[in-house]
Protein backbone atom coordinates (compact mmCIF):
# COMPACT_ATOMS: atom_id res chain seq x y z
CA MET A 1 -13.83 6.38 -1.06
CA ARG A 2 -16.21 3.06 -0.98
CA LEU A 3 -14.73 0.02 -0.81
CA ASP A 4 -16.79 -1.02 -4.12
CA LYS A 5 -15.48 1.87 -5.80
CA TYR A 6 -11.67 1.73 -4.79
CA LEU A 7 -11.41 -2.03 -6.14
CA LYS A 8 -12.70 -0.71 -9.67
CA VAL A 9 -10.57 2.14 -9.59
CA SER A 10 -7.67 0.38 -8.44
CA ARG A 11 -8.65 -2.88 -11.01
CA ILE A 12 -8.30 -5.35 -8.32
CA ILE A 13 -11.91 -6.01 -9.88
CA LYS A 14 -12.88 -5.24 -13.03
CA ARG A 15 -16.23 -3.42 -13.08
CA ARG A 16 -18.23 -2.08 -9.87
CA THR A 17 -20.91 -4.00 -10.24
CA VAL A 18 -18.58 -7.25 -9.35
CA ALA A 19 -16.69 -5.57 -6.69
CA ASN A 20 -20.20 -4.64 -5.10
CA GLU A 21 -21.65 -8.55 -5.48
CA ALA A 22 -18.38 -9.94 -3.84
CA CYS A 23 -18.35 -7.72 -0.92
CA ALA A 24 -22.29 -8.20 -0.50
CA GLY A 25 -21.54 -11.77 -0.82
CA GLY A 26 -19.58 -11.54 2.32
CA ARG A 27 -15.98 -12.46 0.26
CA VAL A 28 -14.08 -9.24 1.28
CA THR A 29 -12.72 -8.60 4.37
CA LEU A 30 -11.29 -5.10 5.79
CA ASN A 31 -8.90 -5.24 8.60
CA GLY A 32 -9.97 -8.44 9.61
CA LYS A 33 -14.31 -7.75 9.44
CA VAL A 34 -16.41 -8.50 6.89
CA ALA A 35 -16.58 -5.37 4.34
CA LYS A 36 -19.98 -3.88 2.71
CA PRO A 37 -19.67 -2.30 -0.60
CA GLY A 38 -20.09 1.07 1.39
CA ALA A 39 -17.29 0.57 3.84
CA GLU A 40 -14.68 3.31 3.82
CA VAL A 41 -11.33 2.35 3.17
CA LYS A 42 -8.09 4.28 3.54
CA PRO A 43 -4.19 3.81 3.26
CA GLY A 44 -2.93 1.14 5.66
CA ASP A 45 -6.19 -1.02 5.57
CA GLU A 46 -5.56 -4.37 4.85
CA MET A 47 -7.86 -6.12 2.33
CA VAL A 48 -8.57 -9.76 2.05
CA ILE A 49 -10.66 -11.13 -0.82
CA ARG A 50 -11.51 -14.63 -1.80
CA PHE A 51 -12.79 -14.40 -5.41
CA GLY A 52 -13.45 -18.01 -7.07
CA ASP A 53 -10.48 -20.15 -5.92
CA ARG A 54 -8.40 -17.08 -5.76
CA TYR A 55 -6.79 -15.73 -2.11
CA GLY A 56 -5.98 -12.57 -2.10
CA ARG A 57 -4.42 -9.91 0.47
CA TYR A 58 -3.47 -6.63 -0.33
CA GLU A 59 -2.55 -3.37 1.57
CA ILE A 60 -3.90 0.07 0.31
CA LEU A 61 -1.10 2.36 -0.06
CA SER A 62 -3.06 5.20 -1.43
CA VAL A 63 -6.94 6.54 -2.31
CA ALA A 64 -7.99 8.58 -5.63
CA GLU A 65 -10.81 8.88 -7.44
CA HIS A 66 -9.20 8.31 -10.87
CA VAL A 67 -5.93 6.73 -12.21
CA ARG A 68 -4.47 5.55 -15.23
CA LYS A 69 -4.43 2.23 -16.03
CA GLU A 70 -0.43 2.69 -15.22
CA GLY A 71 -0.77 3.67 -12.08
CA ALA A 72 -3.29 1.51 -10.71
CA MET A 73 -0.95 -0.92 -9.22
CA GLU A 74 0.48 1.81 -7.24
CA MET A 75 -2.75 2.27 -5.06
CA TYR A 76 -1.91 -1.16 -3.24
CA ARG A 77 0.81 -3.69 -2.41
CA ILE A 78 -0.12 -7.57 -2.93
CA LEU A 79 0.65 -9.13 0.55
CA SER A 80 0.09 -12.58 -0.89
CA GLU A 81 -1.79 -14.22 -3.94
CA ASP A 82 -2.76 -17.61 -3.89
CA ALA A 83 -5.07 -19.80 -6.52
CA GLY A 84 -6.61 -22.48 -5.34
CA VAL A 85 -6.21 -21.73 -1.53
CA ALA A 86 -9.83 -20.38 -0.73
CA GLN A 87 -11.46 -23.30 -0.60
CA GLU A 88 -8.64 -24.98 1.86
CA ARG A 89 -9.19 -22.31 4.13
CA ASN A 90 -12.74 -22.62 4.58
């Protein structure tokens, strides 16, 4: 599955256009490398997102085309989430 679609389906980012812009802007890494919106994701991948003042590390647990809101959080595991840390790490 494409990274931008995964971010939307998993509800880490609410809209696909915003997910696409975050990837295109170099704010998303997949397994330690800057990822484009079309990068393929698979279970076991590690993703880092810098979005505004938020910084999050996630492990992808599953990939599914359609997921109900209640099941979206089962698609990934939060490794860390911090507000205000993204600026310090740059």
